[in-house]
Amino acid sequence: MKQDRFLIGILIFIGLLVVASLVLFFVRQEAPAYGPEDQPEGVIRNYAVALQKGDYSRAYNYLADVSYKPTYDSFLSAFMTRQLNTGNAALQIGQKPLQSDDKATLAITVLYPGSGPFDTGWSSTDKATLVRQNGAWKITYLPYPFWGWDWYTQTPEPIKP
């Protein structure tokens, strides 16, 4: 009988630890916050935060105003129809950007989650390019799934018979 009470005490203690850890997990989660935009890294980070928060108009404002920029409707459509799905990917920004007065290139790693408990996921290394326009850094390229393959490229004219 004494052993049963001891076992029940251990199980209750374990249950309390599980409940406490779940409470701490959900209480301590903070929403991502925007940071400074005076450096290219900050613009990339804020673009990703805007996409994560669903603030597509703010994310669109980080795109460079150059030829063949997608319209806001096509930009929004790419995310709403899940042609681009950033919900299962994260960006890791490299340390030192290659930067001149009006252009910057950053090393970017896109991290993808694993599909099971023993799968650590995978990553893809690429780059991000930015230009300075009116004193602000604007994005001209990011890797998939944060960027559409057809953005900033000329759409071919249909062949006329």
N, C-alpha and C. Protein backbone atom coordinates (compact mmCIF):
# COMPACT_ATOMS: atom_id res chain seq x y z
N MET A 1 0.82 -1.18 0.00
CA MET A 1 0.00 0.00 0.00
C MET A 1 0.87 1.26 0.00
N LYS A 2 1.97 1.19 0.74
CA LYS A 2 2.88 2.34 0.79
C LYS A 2 3.51 2.61 -0.57
N GLN A 3 3.81 1.54 -1.31
CA GLN A 3 4.42 1.71 -2.62
C GLN A 3 3.44 2.35 -3.60
N ASP A 4 2.14 2.02 -3.46
CA ASP A 4 1.15 2.62 -4.35
C ASP A 4 1.07 4.13 -4.13
N ARG A 5 1.10 4.56 -2.87
CA ARG A 5 1.06 6.00 -2.58
C ARG A 5 2.30 6.69 -3.11
N PHE A 6 3.44 6.06 -2.97
CA PHE A 6 4.69 6.64 -3.48
C PHE A 6 4.63 6.79 -5.00
N LEU A 7 4.15 5.75 -5.69
CA LEU A 7 4.02 5.79 -7.14
C LEU A 7 3.03 6.88 -7.58
N ILE A 8 1.92 6.99 -6.88
CA ILE A 8 0.93 8.02 -7.19
C ILE A 8 1.54 9.40 -6.97
N GLY A 9 2.33 9.58 -5.93
CA GLY A 9 3.00 10.85 -5.67
C GLY A 9 3.96 11.23 -6.79
N ILE A 10 4.70 10.24 -7.28
CA ILE A 10 5.63 10.49 -8.39
C ILE A 10 4.86 10.88 -9.65
N LEU A 11 3.77 10.18 -9.95
CA LEU A 11 2.97 10.49 -11.13
C LEU A 11 2.34 11.88 -11.03
N ILE A 12 1.87 12.26 -9.87
CA ILE A 12 1.31 13.60 -9.67
C ILE A 12 2.39 14.65 -9.88
N PHE A 13 3.59 14.42 -9.35
CA PHE A 13 4.70 15.35 -9.52
C PHE A 13 5.06 15.51 -10.99
N ILE A 14 5.12 14.40 -11.72
CA ILE A 14 5.42 14.46 -13.15
C ILE A 14 4.33 15.22 -13.89
N GLY A 15 3.07 14.98 -13.55
CA GLY A 15 1.96 15.70 -14.17
C GLY A 15 2.05 17.19 -13.92
N LEU A 16 2.41 17.60 -12.69
CA LEU A 16 2.57 19.02 -12.38
C LEU A 16 3.71 19.63 -13.18
N LEU A 17 4.81 18.91 -13.35
CA LEU A 17 5.92 19.40 -14.16
C LEU A 17 5.51 19.61 -15.62
N VAL A 18 4.73 18.69 -16.16
CA VAL A 18 4.27 18.81 -17.55
C VAL A 18 3.36 20.03 -17.69
N VAL A 19 2.43 20.20 -16.76
CA VAL A 19 1.52 21.35 -16.82
C VAL A 19 2.30 22.65 -16.68
N ALA A 20 3.26 22.71 -15.76
CA ALA A 20 4.06 23.93 -15.58
C ALA A 20 4.88 24.25 -16.82
N SER A 21 5.44 23.24 -17.45
CA SER A 21 6.24 23.49 -18.65
C SER A 21 5.36 23.96 -19.81
N LEU A 22 4.17 23.43 -19.95
CA LEU A 22 3.26 23.90 -21.00
C LEU A 22 2.81 25.33 -20.76
N VAL A 23 2.52 25.66 -19.52
CA VAL A 23 2.14 27.04 -19.18
C VAL A 23 3.27 27.99 -19.52
N LEU A 24 4.50 27.65 -19.12
CA LEU A 24 5.65 28.50 -19.43
C LEU A 24 5.86 28.63 -20.93
N PHE A 25 5.67 27.56 -21.66
CA PHE A 25 5.85 27.58 -23.11
C PHE A 25 4.89 28.56 -23.76
N PHE A 26 3.62 28.50 -23.40
CA PHE A 26 2.63 29.36 -24.04
C PHE A 26 2.66 30.80 -23.53
N VAL A 27 3.05 31.01 -22.29
CA VAL A 27 3.10 32.36 -21.74
C VAL A 27 4.31 33.13 -22.26
N ARG A 28 5.42 32.46 -22.45
CA ARG A 28 6.66 33.14 -22.82
C ARG A 28 6.82 33.37 -24.32
N GLN A 29 5.90 32.89 -25.12
CA GLN A 29 6.02 33.11 -26.57
C GLN A 29 5.73 34.57 -26.88
N GLU A 30 6.69 35.22 -27.51
CA GLU A 30 6.54 36.61 -27.89
C GLU A 30 6.37 36.70 -29.40
N ALA A 31 5.53 37.61 -29.81
CA ALA A 31 5.37 37.85 -31.24
C ALA A 31 6.62 38.53 -31.77
N PRO A 32 7.02 38.23 -33.00
CA PRO A 32 8.20 38.90 -33.55
C PRO A 32 7.95 40.40 -33.67
N ALA A 33 8.97 41.16 -33.44
CA ALA A 33 8.85 42.62 -33.48
C ALA A 33 9.72 43.17 -34.61
N TYR A 34 9.30 44.29 -35.15
CA TYR A 34 10.08 44.96 -36.18
C TYR A 34 11.30 45.62 -35.55
N GLY A 35 12.37 45.69 -36.32
CA GLY A 35 13.60 46.31 -35.85
C GLY A 35 13.97 47.49 -36.71
N PRO A 36 15.18 48.00 -36.52
CA PRO A 36 15.63 49.14 -37.31
C PRO A 36 15.82 48.76 -38.78
N GLU A 37 15.65 49.74 -39.66
CA GLU A 37 15.74 49.50 -41.10
C GLU A 37 16.88 50.26 -41.75
N ASP A 38 17.86 50.68 -40.97
CA ASP A 38 18.95 51.47 -41.52
C ASP A 38 20.04 50.61 -42.17
N GLN A 39 19.98 49.30 -41.98
CA GLN A 39 20.94 48.38 -42.58
C GLN A 39 20.18 47.34 -43.42
N PRO A 40 20.82 46.76 -44.43
CA PRO A 40 20.15 45.75 -45.26
C PRO A 40 19.61 44.57 -44.46
N GLU A 41 20.36 44.14 -43.44
CA GLU A 41 19.91 43.01 -42.62
C GLU A 41 18.57 43.31 -41.95
N GLY A 42 18.41 44.54 -41.50
CA GLY A 42 17.17 44.93 -40.84
C GLY A 42 15.98 44.93 -41.78
N VAL A 43 16.20 45.31 -43.02
CA VAL A 43 15.13 45.32 -44.01
C VAL A 43 14.70 43.89 -44.31
N ILE A 44 15.66 42.99 -44.48
CA ILE A 44 15.33 41.58 -44.74
C ILE A 44 14.56 41.00 -43.56
N ARG A 45 15.02 41.28 -42.35
CA ARG A 45 14.34 40.78 -41.15
C ARG A 45 12.92 41.32 -41.07
N ASN A 46 12.75 42.61 -41.28
CA ASN A 46 11.42 43.21 -41.19
C ASN A 46 10.48 42.71 -42.28
N TYR A 47 11.03 42.42 -43.46
CA TYR A 47 10.23 41.83 -44.54
C TYR A 47 9.69 40.47 -44.09
N ALA A 48 10.57 39.64 -43.52
CA ALA A 48 10.15 38.32 -43.05
C ALA A 48 9.14 38.43 -41.90
N VAL A 49 9.35 39.38 -41.00
CA VAL A 49 8.40 39.59 -39.89
C VAL A 49 7.05 40.04 -40.44
N ALA A 50 7.04 40.94 -41.41
CA ALA A 50 5.79 41.40 -42.00
C ALA A 50 5.03 40.24 -42.65
N LEU A 51 5.74 39.35 -43.34
CA LEU A 51 5.08 38.19 -43.94
C LEU A 51 4.53 37.28 -42.86
N GLN A 52 5.30 37.08 -41.79
CA GLN A 52 4.86 36.21 -40.70
C GLN A 52 3.61 36.77 -40.02
N LYS A 53 3.55 38.08 -39.89
CA LYS A 53 2.40 38.72 -39.25
C LYS A 53 1.22 38.90 -40.20
N GLY A 54 1.43 38.62 -41.49
CA GLY A 54 0.36 38.81 -42.47
C GLY A 54 0.18 40.26 -42.87
N ASP A 55 1.19 41.10 -42.62
CA ASP A 55 1.14 42.51 -42.99
C ASP A 55 1.74 42.66 -44.39
N TYR A 56 0.97 42.25 -45.40
CA TYR A 56 1.47 42.18 -46.76
C TYR A 56 1.73 43.55 -47.37
N SER A 57 0.98 44.54 -46.98
CA SER A 57 1.24 45.88 -47.53
C SER A 57 2.59 46.40 -47.05
N ARG A 58 2.94 46.13 -45.78
CA ARG A 58 4.25 46.55 -45.29
C ARG A 58 5.36 45.76 -45.99
N ALA A 59 5.15 44.46 -46.16
CA ALA A 59 6.14 43.63 -46.85
C ALA A 59 6.34 44.13 -48.28
N TYR A 60 5.25 44.48 -48.94
CA TYR A 60 5.33 44.97 -50.33
C TYR A 60 6.14 46.26 -50.41
N ASN A 61 6.05 47.09 -49.39
CA ASN A 61 6.79 48.36 -49.39
C ASN A 61 8.30 48.17 -49.29
N TYR A 62 8.76 46.97 -48.91
CA TYR A 62 10.19 46.69 -48.86
C TYR A 62 10.75 46.30 -50.22
N LEU A 63 9.89 46.12 -51.23
CA LEU A 63 10.36 45.76 -52.57
C LEU A 63 10.85 47.00 -53.30
N ALA A 64 11.90 46.82 -54.08
CA ALA A 64 12.48 47.94 -54.84
C ALA A 64 11.53 48.40 -55.94
N ASP A 65 11.52 49.68 -56.18
CA ASP A 65 10.72 50.26 -57.25
C ASP A 65 11.56 50.34 -58.51
N VAL A 66 11.67 49.22 -59.21
CA VAL A 66 12.41 49.14 -60.46
C VAL A 66 11.53 48.43 -61.49
N SER A 67 12.03 48.29 -62.70
CA SER A 67 11.26 47.68 -63.78
C SER A 67 10.76 46.29 -63.41
N TYR A 68 9.53 46.02 -63.83
CA TYR A 68 8.88 44.72 -63.67
C TYR A 68 8.60 44.34 -62.22
N LYS A 69 8.48 45.34 -61.37
CA LYS A 69 8.05 45.07 -59.99
C LYS A 69 6.64 44.50 -60.05
N PRO A 70 6.35 43.45 -59.27
CA PRO A 70 4.99 42.91 -59.31
C PRO A 70 4.00 43.92 -58.75
N THR A 71 2.78 43.85 -59.23
CA THR A 71 1.74 44.70 -58.66
C THR A 71 1.42 44.19 -57.26
N TYR A 72 0.82 45.04 -56.46
CA TYR A 72 0.45 44.60 -55.11
C TYR A 72 -0.52 43.42 -55.17
N ASP A 73 -1.44 43.44 -56.13
CA ASP A 73 -2.40 42.34 -56.23
C ASP A 73 -1.72 41.02 -56.55
N SER A 74 -0.74 41.02 -57.46
CA SER A 74 -0.05 39.76 -57.78
C SER A 74 0.85 39.33 -56.63
N PHE A 75 1.44 40.29 -55.93
CA PHE A 75 2.24 39.99 -54.74
C PHE A 75 1.37 39.31 -53.68
N LEU A 76 0.24 39.93 -53.39
CA LEU A 76 -0.68 39.39 -52.38
C LEU A 76 -1.22 38.04 -52.81
N SER A 77 -1.56 37.90 -54.06
CA SER A 77 -2.10 36.65 -54.58
C SER A 77 -1.12 35.49 -54.41
N ALA A 78 0.17 35.75 -54.59
CA ALA A 78 1.17 34.68 -54.44
C ALA A 78 1.15 34.09 -53.04
N PHE A 79 0.89 34.91 -52.02
CA PHE A 79 0.86 34.41 -50.65
C PHE A 79 -0.52 33.87 -50.27
N MET A 80 -1.57 34.50 -50.77
CA MET A 80 -2.93 34.05 -50.43
C MET A 80 -3.26 32.71 -51.07
N THR A 81 -2.75 32.45 -52.26
CA THR A 81 -3.01 31.17 -52.93
C THR A 81 -1.96 30.12 -52.56
N ARG A 82 -1.05 30.47 -51.70
CA ARG A 82 0.01 29.58 -51.22
C ARG A 82 0.98 29.14 -52.32
N GLN A 83 1.10 29.96 -53.39
CA GLN A 83 2.18 29.72 -54.33
C GLN A 83 3.50 29.94 -53.61
N LEU A 84 3.50 30.91 -52.70
CA LEU A 84 4.62 31.15 -51.80
C LEU A 84 4.10 30.93 -50.38
N ASN A 85 4.70 29.99 -49.67
CA ASN A 85 4.24 29.67 -48.32
C ASN A 85 5.43 29.76 -47.37
N THR A 86 5.50 30.86 -46.64
CA THR A 86 6.61 31.05 -45.71
C THR A 86 6.32 30.48 -44.33
N GLY A 87 5.16 29.85 -44.17
CA GLY A 87 4.79 29.30 -42.87
C GLY A 87 5.65 28.13 -42.44
N ASN A 88 6.29 27.46 -43.36
CA ASN A 88 7.13 26.31 -43.00
C ASN A 88 8.60 26.54 -43.34
N ALA A 89 9.02 27.80 -43.31
CA ALA A 89 10.41 28.13 -43.61
C ALA A 89 10.84 29.32 -42.75
N ALA A 90 12.13 29.41 -42.51
CA ALA A 90 12.68 30.53 -41.76
C ALA A 90 13.92 31.04 -42.48
N LEU A 91 14.21 32.33 -42.29
CA LEU A 91 15.39 32.94 -42.88
C LEU A 91 16.48 33.09 -41.84
N GLN A 92 17.69 32.76 -42.21
CA GLN A 92 18.85 33.04 -41.37
C GLN A 92 19.77 33.94 -42.19
N ILE A 93 20.06 35.11 -41.64
CA ILE A 93 20.85 36.11 -42.36
C ILE A 93 22.31 35.94 -42.01
N GLY A 94 23.17 35.96 -43.04
CA GLY A 94 24.60 35.82 -42.83
C GLY A 94 25.20 37.01 -42.10
N GLN A 95 26.45 36.88 -41.71
CA GLN A 95 27.11 37.88 -40.87
C GLN A 95 27.42 39.20 -41.57
N LYS A 96 28.27 39.18 -42.57
CA LYS A 96 28.76 40.41 -43.19
C LYS A 96 28.19 40.57 -44.59
N PRO A 97 27.45 41.65 -44.83
CA PRO A 97 26.98 41.89 -46.19
C PRO A 97 28.08 42.48 -47.06
N LEU A 98 28.03 42.17 -48.34
CA LEU A 98 28.88 42.87 -49.31
C LEU A 98 28.10 44.12 -49.68
N GLN A 99 28.64 45.28 -49.34
CA GLN A 99 27.86 46.50 -49.43
C GLN A 99 28.67 47.62 -50.05
N SER A 100 28.02 48.34 -50.96
CA SER A 100 28.58 49.59 -51.48
C SER A 100 27.61 50.69 -51.06
N ASP A 101 27.75 51.85 -51.64
CA ASP A 101 26.88 52.96 -51.26
C ASP A 101 25.41 52.70 -51.59
N ASP A 102 25.17 52.04 -52.73
CA ASP A 102 23.78 51.88 -53.15
C ASP A 102 23.36 50.45 -53.44
N LYS A 103 24.21 49.46 -53.19
CA LYS A 103 23.87 48.05 -53.41
C LYS A 103 24.41 47.20 -52.27
N ALA A 104 23.69 46.13 -51.96
CA ALA A 104 24.13 45.21 -50.91
C ALA A 104 23.73 43.79 -51.27
N THR A 105 24.59 42.83 -50.91
CA THR A 105 24.31 41.41 -51.09
C THR A 105 24.57 40.72 -49.76
N LEU A 106 23.61 39.93 -49.32
CA LEU A 106 23.73 39.21 -48.05
C LEU A 106 23.62 37.71 -48.30
N ALA A 107 24.37 36.94 -47.54
CA ALA A 107 24.20 35.49 -47.57
C ALA A 107 22.95 35.16 -46.77
N ILE A 108 22.09 34.32 -47.35
CA ILE A 108 20.83 33.94 -46.73
C ILE A 108 20.75 32.42 -46.71
N THR A 109 20.31 31.87 -45.60
CA THR A 109 20.03 30.45 -45.50
C THR A 109 18.55 30.29 -45.19
N VAL A 110 17.87 29.52 -46.03
CA VAL A 110 16.46 29.22 -45.78
C VAL A 110 16.42 27.88 -45.06
N LEU A 111 15.81 27.87 -43.88
CA LEU A 111 15.73 26.68 -43.05
C LEU A 111 14.34 26.07 -43.17
N TYR A 112 14.29 24.77 -43.42
CA TYR A 112 13.03 24.03 -43.54
C TYR A 112 12.95 23.01 -42.41
N PRO A 113 11.78 22.82 -41.82
CA PRO A 113 11.66 21.88 -40.71
C PRO A 113 11.71 20.44 -41.19
N GLY A 114 11.98 19.54 -40.27
CA GLY A 114 11.97 18.13 -40.58
C GLY A 114 10.54 17.61 -40.62
N SER A 115 10.39 16.41 -41.14
CA SER A 115 9.05 15.84 -41.27
C SER A 115 8.72 14.84 -40.18
N GLY A 116 9.64 14.58 -39.28
CA GLY A 116 9.39 13.63 -38.21
C GLY A 116 10.21 13.96 -36.99
N PRO A 117 10.05 13.19 -35.94
CA PRO A 117 10.76 13.52 -34.70
C PRO A 117 12.27 13.35 -34.79
N PHE A 118 12.76 12.52 -35.70
CA PHE A 118 14.20 12.30 -35.81
C PHE A 118 14.80 12.97 -37.05
N ASP A 119 13.96 13.73 -37.77
CA ASP A 119 14.42 14.44 -38.96
C ASP A 119 14.71 15.88 -38.56
N THR A 120 15.95 16.31 -38.72
CA THR A 120 16.34 17.66 -38.29
C THR A 120 16.02 18.73 -39.32
N GLY A 121 15.51 18.35 -40.47
CA GLY A 121 15.19 19.32 -41.51
C GLY A 121 16.36 19.54 -42.43
N TRP A 122 16.25 20.55 -43.25
CA TRP A 122 17.31 20.84 -44.21
C TRP A 122 17.36 22.34 -44.45
N SER A 123 18.39 22.75 -45.14
CA SER A 123 18.56 24.18 -45.41
C SER A 123 19.08 24.38 -46.83
N SER A 124 18.89 25.59 -47.31
CA SER A 124 19.34 25.98 -48.64
C SER A 124 20.02 27.34 -48.53
N THR A 125 21.21 27.45 -49.06
CA THR A 125 21.95 28.71 -48.99
C THR A 125 21.81 29.47 -50.31
N ASP A 126 21.55 30.75 -50.20
CA ASP A 126 21.37 31.60 -51.37
C ASP A 126 21.83 33.00 -51.00
N LYS A 127 21.32 34.00 -51.68
CA LYS A 127 21.69 35.38 -51.39
C LYS A 127 20.45 36.26 -51.43
N ALA A 128 20.59 37.42 -50.87
CA ALA A 128 19.58 38.47 -50.98
C ALA A 128 20.28 39.69 -51.55
N THR A 129 19.61 40.40 -52.44
CA THR A 129 20.20 41.62 -52.99
C THR A 129 19.26 42.78 -52.70
N LEU A 130 19.86 43.92 -52.40
CA LEU A 130 19.11 45.13 -52.09
C LEU A 130 19.74 46.32 -52.79
N VAL A 131 18.96 47.35 -53.01
CA VAL A 131 19.45 48.62 -53.53
C VAL A 131 18.94 49.73 -52.62
N ARG A 132 19.69 50.82 -52.61
CA ARG A 132 19.25 51.97 -51.82
C ARG A 132 18.47 52.91 -52.74
N GLN A 133 17.25 53.21 -52.32
CA GLN A 133 16.38 54.11 -53.08
C GLN A 133 15.85 55.18 -52.14
N ASN A 134 16.09 56.42 -52.46
CA ASN A 134 15.63 57.55 -51.64
C ASN A 134 16.06 57.39 -50.18
N GLY A 135 17.28 56.89 -49.98
CA GLY A 135 17.83 56.76 -48.64
C GLY A 135 17.42 55.51 -47.89
N ALA A 136 16.55 54.68 -48.46
CA ALA A 136 16.08 53.46 -47.79
C ALA A 136 16.52 52.23 -48.59
N TRP A 137 16.83 51.14 -47.88
CA TRP A 137 17.20 49.90 -48.54
C TRP A 137 15.93 49.19 -49.00
N LYS A 138 15.95 48.71 -50.25
CA LYS A 138 14.82 47.99 -50.85
C LYS A 138 15.32 46.68 -51.44
N ILE A 139 14.51 45.66 -51.37
CA ILE A 139 14.89 44.31 -51.79
C ILE A 139 14.67 44.13 -53.28
N THR A 140 15.67 43.54 -53.96
CA THR A 140 15.52 43.21 -55.37
C THR A 140 15.52 41.69 -55.61
N TYR A 141 15.95 40.91 -54.61
CA TYR A 141 15.92 39.45 -54.75
C TYR A 141 16.03 38.79 -53.39
N LEU A 142 15.25 37.74 -53.19
CA LEU A 142 15.34 36.84 -52.04
C LEU A 142 15.08 35.43 -52.54
N PRO A 143 15.53 34.42 -51.83
CA PRO A 143 15.26 33.05 -52.28
C PRO A 143 13.81 32.63 -52.03
N TYR A 144 13.40 31.60 -52.76
CA TYR A 144 12.10 30.97 -52.57
C TYR A 144 12.07 30.39 -51.15
N PRO A 145 11.02 30.41 -50.44
CA PRO A 145 9.65 30.78 -50.72
C PRO A 145 9.29 32.21 -50.32
N PHE A 146 10.26 33.05 -50.15
CA PHE A 146 10.02 34.44 -49.77
C PHE A 146 9.93 35.36 -51.00
N TRP A 147 10.15 34.79 -52.17
CA TRP A 147 10.23 35.59 -53.39
C TRP A 147 9.65 34.81 -54.55
N GLY A 148 8.88 35.47 -55.39
CA GLY A 148 8.31 34.82 -56.56
C GLY A 148 9.31 34.73 -57.69
N TRP A 149 9.31 33.63 -58.39
CA TRP A 149 10.27 33.42 -59.48
C TRP A 149 10.06 34.42 -60.61
N ASP A 150 8.84 34.94 -60.76
CA ASP A 150 8.55 35.84 -61.87
C ASP A 150 8.60 37.32 -61.49
N TRP A 151 8.98 37.63 -60.27
CA TRP A 151 9.07 39.03 -59.87
C TRP A 151 10.31 39.65 -60.49
N TYR A 152 10.18 40.83 -60.99
CA TYR A 152 11.26 41.60 -61.59
C TYR A 152 11.80 40.96 -62.86
N THR A 153 10.99 40.15 -63.50
CA THR A 153 11.38 39.62 -64.81
C THR A 153 10.31 39.99 -65.81
N GLN A 154 10.72 40.22 -67.01
CA GLN A 154 9.79 40.62 -68.05
C GLN A 154 8.97 39.41 -68.47
N THR A 155 7.66 39.60 -68.53
CA THR A 155 6.77 38.56 -69.00
C THR A 155 6.82 38.54 -70.52
N PRO A 156 7.06 37.36 -71.11
CA PRO A 156 7.12 37.32 -72.57
C PRO A 156 5.76 37.63 -73.20
N GLU A 157 5.81 38.29 -74.33
CA GLU A 157 4.60 38.60 -75.08
C GLU A 157 4.09 37.31 -75.73
N PRO A 158 2.77 37.15 -75.81
CA PRO A 158 2.25 35.96 -76.49
C PRO A 158 2.59 35.99 -77.98
N ILE A 159 2.77 34.83 -78.55
CA ILE A 159 3.08 34.71 -79.97
C ILE A 159 1.82 34.99 -80.77
N LYS A 160 1.96 35.88 -81.73
CA LYS A 160 0.82 36.24 -82.58
C LYS A 160 0.83 35.39 -83.83
N PRO A 161 -0.32 34.86 -84.18
CA PRO A 161 -0.37 34.00 -85.40
C PRO A 161 -0.19 34.78 -86.67
